[in-house]
Amino acid sequence: MTSYMMYAAHRRGTMEKRWNALLVSPHSGTLALGEAGVYHARLLLGSRPKPCTQFPMIQGMAELQTALTELSRIFQAFLDGRGTRPYADELPGETVYVEHLLKLPNAQGLYTINSQPPVNGVPSSHRVVE
């Protein structure tokens, strides 16, 4: 029994170290697994066809889903260049190169507006992009 307890304690410590390594982002500007909270996990897991039983349902989930669907519609219209823009700024020039890749994630609730990195490291102000 003692050897099993020692094994379990060692294994638990090893697993915690592995998970902690995954939860800490090596890049301060990126969203790491540990930085995405339960709220974000609920949104991602809630969008799957199969219901998630690990998280208790929150009150107002139907209203939240309606709001997220509407937000997706607004972002899709923004990417398509029609409808109301959610921001006063136009799409950055380099977004044209990746716009076709952004439409599906935004439609599915993974919002990328205002988070596009420069394409090939070239900022919007670069004369080639403008």
N, C-alpha and C. Protein backbone atom coordinates (compact mmCIF):
# COMPACT_ATOMS: atom_id res chain seq x y z
N MET A 1 0.83 -1.20 0.00
CA MET A 1 0.00 0.00 0.00
C MET A 1 0.87 1.26 0.00
N THR A 2 1.93 1.24 0.74
CA THR A 2 2.80 2.41 0.81
C THR A 2 3.45 2.69 -0.54
N SER A 3 3.89 1.64 -1.23
CA SER A 3 4.52 1.86 -2.54
C SER A 3 3.52 2.44 -3.54
N TYR A 4 2.26 2.00 -3.47
CA TYR A 4 1.25 2.55 -4.37
C TYR A 4 1.02 4.03 -4.07
N MET A 5 0.97 4.39 -2.78
CA MET A 5 0.76 5.79 -2.41
C MET A 5 1.92 6.65 -2.90
N MET A 6 3.14 6.13 -2.79
CA MET A 6 4.30 6.88 -3.27
C MET A 6 4.24 7.02 -4.80
N TYR A 7 3.86 5.94 -5.47
CA TYR A 7 3.72 5.98 -6.93
C TYR A 7 2.66 7.00 -7.34
N ALA A 8 1.52 6.97 -6.67
CA ALA A 8 0.43 7.89 -7.01
C ALA A 8 0.84 9.34 -6.78
N ALA A 9 1.54 9.60 -5.68
CA ALA A 9 1.99 10.96 -5.38
C ALA A 9 3.00 11.42 -6.43
N HIS A 10 3.91 10.53 -6.81
CA HIS A 10 4.91 10.88 -7.82
C HIS A 10 4.22 11.13 -9.17
N ARG A 11 3.30 10.26 -9.51
CA ARG A 11 2.59 10.39 -10.79
C ARG A 11 1.79 11.69 -10.83
N ARG A 12 1.12 12.01 -9.72
CA ARG A 12 0.33 13.24 -9.66
C ARG A 12 1.23 14.45 -9.87
N GLY A 13 2.39 14.46 -9.22
CA GLY A 13 3.33 15.57 -9.39
C GLY A 13 3.84 15.68 -10.81
N THR A 14 4.12 14.54 -11.42
CA THR A 14 4.60 14.54 -12.80
C THR A 14 3.53 15.07 -13.74
N MET A 15 2.30 14.63 -13.55
CA MET A 15 1.21 15.09 -14.42
C MET A 15 0.97 16.59 -14.23
N GLU A 16 1.05 17.07 -12.99
CA GLU A 16 0.87 18.50 -12.76
C GLU A 16 1.95 19.30 -13.48
N LYS A 17 3.18 18.81 -13.45
CA LYS A 17 4.26 19.50 -14.15
C LYS A 17 3.99 19.52 -15.65
N ARG A 18 3.51 18.42 -16.19
CA ARG A 18 3.21 18.37 -17.62
C ARG A 18 2.11 19.36 -17.98
N TRP A 19 1.04 19.36 -17.19
CA TRP A 19 -0.07 20.26 -17.48
C TRP A 19 0.35 21.71 -17.28
N ASN A 20 1.13 21.99 -16.25
CA ASN A 20 1.58 23.37 -16.04
C ASN A 20 2.42 23.85 -17.20
N ALA A 21 3.23 22.97 -17.76
CA ALA A 21 4.03 23.36 -18.92
C ALA A 21 3.13 23.72 -20.10
N LEU A 22 2.01 23.03 -20.24
CA LEU A 22 1.09 23.33 -21.33
C LEU A 22 0.30 24.61 -21.08
N LEU A 23 0.06 24.91 -19.80
CA LEU A 23 -0.78 26.04 -19.46
C LEU A 23 -0.05 27.37 -19.50
N VAL A 24 1.25 27.37 -19.52
CA VAL A 24 2.03 28.60 -19.51
C VAL A 24 2.48 28.91 -20.92
N SER A 25 2.17 30.09 -21.39
CA SER A 25 2.53 30.47 -22.75
C SER A 25 3.97 30.96 -22.79
N PRO A 26 4.78 30.44 -23.72
CA PRO A 26 6.15 30.95 -23.85
C PRO A 26 6.19 32.33 -24.49
N HIS A 27 5.11 32.72 -25.14
CA HIS A 27 5.04 34.02 -25.80
C HIS A 27 4.01 34.87 -25.08
N SER A 28 4.42 36.01 -24.58
CA SER A 28 3.52 36.83 -23.78
C SER A 28 2.35 37.39 -24.59
N GLY A 29 2.49 37.47 -25.89
CA GLY A 29 1.43 38.04 -26.70
C GLY A 29 0.41 37.04 -27.20
N THR A 30 0.56 35.77 -26.87
CA THR A 30 -0.37 34.76 -27.38
C THR A 30 -1.32 34.30 -26.30
N LEU A 31 -2.47 33.81 -26.71
CA LEU A 31 -3.44 33.26 -25.77
C LEU A 31 -3.12 31.79 -25.57
N ALA A 32 -2.67 31.46 -24.38
CA ALA A 32 -2.31 30.08 -24.08
C ALA A 32 -3.53 29.36 -23.52
N LEU A 33 -3.41 28.04 -23.42
CA LEU A 33 -4.50 27.24 -22.89
C LEU A 33 -4.91 27.72 -21.50
N GLY A 34 -3.95 28.06 -20.68
CA GLY A 34 -4.24 28.51 -19.32
C GLY A 34 -4.91 29.86 -19.26
N GLU A 35 -4.75 30.66 -20.32
CA GLU A 35 -5.35 31.99 -20.33
C GLU A 35 -6.79 31.96 -20.81
N ALA A 36 -7.20 30.90 -21.46
CA ALA A 36 -8.58 30.75 -21.88
C ALA A 36 -9.35 30.18 -20.70
N GLY A 37 -10.22 30.98 -20.13
CA GLY A 37 -10.92 30.57 -18.92
C GLY A 37 -12.08 29.64 -19.18
N VAL A 38 -12.80 29.34 -18.13
CA VAL A 38 -13.96 28.45 -18.21
C VAL A 38 -15.02 29.06 -19.12
N TYR A 39 -15.14 30.38 -19.08
CA TYR A 39 -16.12 31.05 -19.94
C TYR A 39 -15.84 30.74 -21.41
N HIS A 40 -14.56 30.86 -21.82
CA HIS A 40 -14.19 30.59 -23.20
C HIS A 40 -14.35 29.11 -23.53
N ALA A 41 -14.02 28.26 -22.58
CA ALA A 41 -14.19 26.82 -22.80
C ALA A 41 -15.66 26.49 -22.99
N ARG A 42 -16.53 27.13 -22.22
CA ARG A 42 -17.97 26.89 -22.36
C ARG A 42 -18.43 27.31 -23.75
N LEU A 43 -17.93 28.43 -24.22
CA LEU A 43 -18.33 28.89 -25.55
C LEU A 43 -17.87 27.92 -26.63
N LEU A 44 -16.63 27.46 -26.52
CA LEU A 44 -16.11 26.54 -27.52
C LEU A 44 -16.80 25.19 -27.45
N LEU A 45 -16.96 24.67 -26.24
CA LEU A 45 -17.59 23.35 -26.10
C LEU A 45 -19.08 23.41 -26.39
N GLY A 46 -19.70 24.53 -26.08
CA GLY A 46 -21.13 24.68 -26.32
C GLY A 46 -21.47 24.76 -27.79
N SER A 47 -20.49 25.06 -28.63
CA SER A 47 -20.76 25.20 -30.06
C SER A 47 -20.73 23.86 -30.78
N ARG A 48 -20.32 22.82 -30.09
CA ARG A 48 -20.29 21.48 -30.70
C ARG A 48 -21.70 20.89 -30.73
N PRO A 49 -21.99 20.02 -31.71
CA PRO A 49 -23.31 19.40 -31.76
C PRO A 49 -23.57 18.51 -30.55
N LYS A 50 -22.55 17.84 -30.05
CA LYS A 50 -22.71 16.97 -28.90
C LYS A 50 -22.66 17.81 -27.62
N PRO A 51 -23.67 17.72 -26.75
CA PRO A 51 -23.67 18.55 -25.55
C PRO A 51 -22.55 18.16 -24.59
N CYS A 52 -22.02 19.15 -23.94
CA CYS A 52 -20.96 18.93 -22.95
C CYS A 52 -21.61 18.76 -21.58
N THR A 53 -21.29 17.68 -20.90
CA THR A 53 -21.88 17.42 -19.59
C THR A 53 -20.94 17.78 -18.45
N GLN A 54 -19.72 18.25 -18.77
CA GLN A 54 -18.77 18.55 -17.72
C GLN A 54 -19.02 19.90 -17.06
N PHE A 55 -19.68 20.81 -17.75
CA PHE A 55 -19.94 22.12 -17.19
C PHE A 55 -21.43 22.26 -16.90
N PRO A 56 -21.79 22.76 -15.73
CA PRO A 56 -23.22 22.97 -15.45
C PRO A 56 -23.76 24.09 -16.35
N MET A 57 -24.98 23.94 -16.77
CA MET A 57 -25.59 24.96 -17.63
C MET A 57 -25.82 26.23 -16.81
N ILE A 58 -25.56 27.36 -17.43
CA ILE A 58 -25.79 28.62 -16.74
C ILE A 58 -27.16 29.14 -17.15
N GLN A 59 -27.76 29.93 -16.26
CA GLN A 59 -29.05 30.51 -16.59
C GLN A 59 -28.85 31.53 -17.69
N GLY A 60 -29.77 31.60 -18.60
CA GLY A 60 -29.67 32.54 -19.70
C GLY A 60 -28.81 32.04 -20.85
N MET A 61 -28.55 30.74 -20.90
CA MET A 61 -27.71 30.19 -21.96
C MET A 61 -28.35 30.43 -23.33
N ALA A 62 -29.65 30.35 -23.44
CA ALA A 62 -30.32 30.58 -24.72
C ALA A 62 -30.10 32.02 -25.19
N GLU A 63 -30.20 32.97 -24.26
CA GLU A 63 -29.97 34.37 -24.60
C GLU A 63 -28.52 34.59 -25.01
N LEU A 64 -27.60 33.92 -24.32
CA LEU A 64 -26.18 34.03 -24.65
C LEU A 64 -25.93 33.48 -26.05
N GLN A 65 -26.54 32.35 -26.36
CA GLN A 65 -26.36 31.75 -27.69
C GLN A 65 -26.92 32.66 -28.77
N THR A 66 -28.07 33.29 -28.51
CA THR A 66 -28.65 34.22 -29.48
C THR A 66 -27.72 35.40 -29.70
N ALA A 67 -27.16 35.93 -28.62
CA ALA A 67 -26.24 37.06 -28.72
C ALA A 67 -24.99 36.68 -29.49
N LEU A 68 -24.47 35.49 -29.26
CA LEU A 68 -23.27 35.04 -29.98
C LEU A 68 -23.55 34.82 -31.46
N THR A 69 -24.73 34.31 -31.77
CA THR A 69 -25.11 34.12 -33.17
C THR A 69 -25.20 35.47 -33.87
N GLU A 70 -25.78 36.45 -33.19
CA GLU A 70 -25.89 37.79 -33.75
C GLU A 70 -24.51 38.42 -33.93
N LEU A 71 -23.63 38.21 -32.96
CA LEU A 71 -22.26 38.73 -33.06
C LEU A 71 -21.53 38.09 -34.24
N SER A 72 -21.73 36.80 -34.43
CA SER A 72 -21.12 36.12 -35.58
C SER A 72 -21.63 36.71 -36.89
N ARG A 73 -22.94 36.99 -36.94
CA ARG A 73 -23.52 37.58 -38.15
C ARG A 73 -22.92 38.96 -38.43
N ILE A 74 -22.74 39.76 -37.39
CA ILE A 74 -22.16 41.10 -37.56
C ILE A 74 -20.73 41.00 -38.07
N PHE A 75 -19.95 40.09 -37.48
CA PHE A 75 -18.55 39.94 -37.90
C PHE A 75 -18.46 39.41 -39.33
N GLN A 76 -19.37 38.49 -39.70
CA GLN A 76 -19.38 37.98 -41.07
C GLN A 76 -19.67 39.12 -42.05
N ALA A 77 -20.66 39.96 -41.71
CA ALA A 77 -20.99 41.09 -42.57
C ALA A 77 -19.81 42.05 -42.67
N PHE A 78 -19.11 42.24 -41.56
CA PHE A 78 -17.93 43.11 -41.55
C PHE A 78 -16.85 42.58 -42.48
N LEU A 79 -16.60 41.27 -42.43
CA LEU A 79 -15.59 40.67 -43.30
C LEU A 79 -16.01 40.70 -44.76
N ASP A 80 -17.31 40.63 -45.01
CA ASP A 80 -17.81 40.68 -46.38
C ASP A 80 -17.92 42.10 -46.92
N GLY A 81 -17.68 43.10 -46.04
CA GLY A 81 -17.76 44.50 -46.46
C GLY A 81 -19.17 45.02 -46.58
N ARG A 82 -20.12 44.40 -45.90
CA ARG A 82 -21.51 44.86 -45.96
C ARG A 82 -22.05 44.98 -44.53
N GLY A 83 -23.12 45.71 -44.39
CA GLY A 83 -23.74 45.83 -43.08
C GLY A 83 -22.99 46.76 -42.15
N THR A 84 -23.38 46.73 -40.90
CA THR A 84 -22.78 47.59 -39.89
C THR A 84 -21.42 47.07 -39.49
N ARG A 85 -20.47 47.96 -39.41
CA ARG A 85 -19.14 47.56 -38.94
C ARG A 85 -19.12 47.62 -37.42
N PRO A 86 -18.57 46.62 -36.76
CA PRO A 86 -18.51 46.65 -35.30
C PRO A 86 -17.46 47.64 -34.79
N TYR A 87 -16.59 48.11 -35.66
CA TYR A 87 -15.54 49.04 -35.27
C TYR A 87 -15.53 50.20 -36.24
N ALA A 88 -14.99 51.33 -35.83
CA ALA A 88 -14.90 52.50 -36.70
C ALA A 88 -13.81 52.33 -37.75
N ASP A 89 -12.82 51.51 -37.47
CA ASP A 89 -11.71 51.31 -38.40
C ASP A 89 -12.11 50.38 -39.53
N GLU A 90 -11.48 50.61 -40.68
CA GLU A 90 -11.63 49.68 -41.80
C GLU A 90 -10.78 48.45 -41.53
N LEU A 91 -10.99 47.39 -42.30
CA LEU A 91 -10.12 46.23 -42.20
C LEU A 91 -8.71 46.63 -42.62
N PRO A 92 -7.69 46.20 -41.89
CA PRO A 92 -6.32 46.52 -42.30
C PRO A 92 -6.04 45.96 -43.70
N GLY A 93 -5.15 46.60 -44.42
CA GLY A 93 -4.85 46.21 -45.80
C GLY A 93 -4.37 44.78 -45.93
N GLU A 94 -3.57 44.32 -44.96
CA GLU A 94 -3.04 42.96 -45.07
C GLU A 94 -4.10 41.88 -44.83
N THR A 95 -5.26 42.26 -44.30
CA THR A 95 -6.31 41.29 -44.04
C THR A 95 -6.85 40.70 -45.34
N VAL A 96 -6.74 41.43 -46.42
CA VAL A 96 -7.22 40.95 -47.72
C VAL A 96 -6.59 39.60 -48.06
N TYR A 97 -5.33 39.42 -47.67
CA TYR A 97 -4.62 38.18 -48.00
C TYR A 97 -5.11 36.98 -47.20
N VAL A 98 -5.70 37.21 -46.03
CA VAL A 98 -6.14 36.09 -45.19
C VAL A 98 -7.64 36.13 -44.92
N GLU A 99 -8.34 37.05 -45.56
CA GLU A 99 -9.77 37.23 -45.31
C GLU A 99 -10.57 35.95 -45.52
N HIS A 100 -10.27 35.20 -46.57
CA HIS A 100 -11.00 33.96 -46.84
C HIS A 100 -10.79 32.93 -45.73
N LEU A 101 -9.68 33.02 -45.01
CA LEU A 101 -9.42 32.09 -43.90
C LEU A 101 -10.12 32.52 -42.62
N LEU A 102 -10.52 33.78 -42.53
CA LEU A 102 -11.12 34.31 -41.30
C LEU A 102 -12.64 34.13 -41.26
N LYS A 103 -13.27 33.96 -42.39
CA LYS A 103 -14.73 33.93 -42.43
C LYS A 103 -15.32 32.74 -41.69
N LEU A 104 -14.82 31.55 -41.92
CA LEU A 104 -15.39 30.37 -41.27
C LEU A 104 -15.20 30.40 -39.75
N PRO A 105 -13.99 30.68 -39.23
CA PRO A 105 -13.86 30.73 -37.76
C PRO A 105 -14.77 31.78 -37.12
N ASN A 106 -14.91 32.96 -37.75
CA ASN A 106 -15.78 33.99 -37.20
C ASN A 106 -17.24 33.56 -37.24
N ALA A 107 -17.63 32.83 -38.27
CA ALA A 107 -19.01 32.34 -38.36
C ALA A 107 -19.29 31.30 -37.29
N GLN A 108 -18.25 30.58 -36.86
CA GLN A 108 -18.43 29.53 -35.85
C GLN A 108 -18.19 30.03 -34.43
N GLY A 109 -17.96 31.34 -34.26
CA GLY A 109 -17.82 31.90 -32.92
C GLY A 109 -16.40 32.09 -32.44
N LEU A 110 -15.41 31.89 -33.29
CA LEU A 110 -14.02 32.15 -32.92
C LEU A 110 -13.68 33.50 -33.55
N TYR A 111 -13.83 34.55 -32.77
CA TYR A 111 -13.75 35.91 -33.29
C TYR A 111 -12.30 36.36 -33.45
N THR A 112 -11.96 36.77 -34.67
CA THR A 112 -10.59 37.17 -34.99
C THR A 112 -10.48 38.65 -35.30
N ILE A 113 -11.59 39.36 -35.26
CA ILE A 113 -11.55 40.78 -35.59
C ILE A 113 -10.61 41.49 -34.61
N ASN A 114 -9.76 42.34 -35.14
CA ASN A 114 -8.75 43.09 -34.37
C ASN A 114 -7.65 42.21 -33.80
N SER A 115 -7.49 41.00 -34.28
CA SER A 115 -6.41 40.16 -33.78
C SER A 115 -5.56 39.59 -34.91
N GLN A 116 -5.72 40.11 -36.12
CA GLN A 116 -4.95 39.60 -37.24
C GLN A 116 -3.50 40.08 -37.14
N PRO A 117 -2.56 39.17 -37.23
CA PRO A 117 -1.15 39.58 -37.25
C PRO A 117 -0.79 40.13 -38.62
N PRO A 118 0.29 40.87 -38.72
CA PRO A 118 0.72 41.33 -40.03
C PRO A 118 1.00 40.13 -40.95
N VAL A 119 0.56 40.22 -42.19
CA VAL A 119 0.80 39.15 -43.15
C VAL A 119 2.26 39.19 -43.56
N ASN A 120 2.94 38.07 -43.42
CA ASN A 120 4.36 37.97 -43.73
C ASN A 120 5.19 39.00 -42.98
N GLY A 121 4.71 39.41 -41.80
CA GLY A 121 5.46 40.37 -40.98
C GLY A 121 5.37 41.80 -41.47
N VAL A 122 4.51 42.07 -42.45
CA VAL A 122 4.39 43.42 -43.00
C VAL A 122 3.20 44.12 -42.36
N PRO A 123 3.39 45.27 -41.71
CA PRO A 123 2.27 45.98 -41.08
C PRO A 123 1.37 46.66 -42.12
N SER A 124 0.21 47.11 -41.69
CA SER A 124 -0.75 47.77 -42.58
C SER A 124 -0.18 49.02 -43.22
N SER A 125 0.71 49.69 -42.52
CA SER A 125 1.25 50.96 -43.02
C SER A 125 2.32 50.77 -44.10
N HIS A 126 2.72 49.53 -44.37
CA HIS A 126 3.76 49.29 -45.37
C HIS A 126 3.23 49.65 -46.75
N ARG A 127 4.07 50.28 -47.58
CA ARG A 127 3.61 50.78 -48.89
C ARG A 127 3.16 49.67 -49.83
N VAL A 128 3.69 48.45 -49.68
CA VAL A 128 3.29 47.34 -50.54
C VAL A 128 1.86 46.91 -50.24
N VAL A 129 1.46 46.99 -48.97
CA VAL A 129 0.13 46.56 -48.56
C VAL A 129 -0.92 47.61 -48.89
N GLU A 130 -0.56 48.87 -48.78
CA GLU A 130 -1.55 49.95 -48.97
C GLU A 130 -2.06 50.04 -50.34
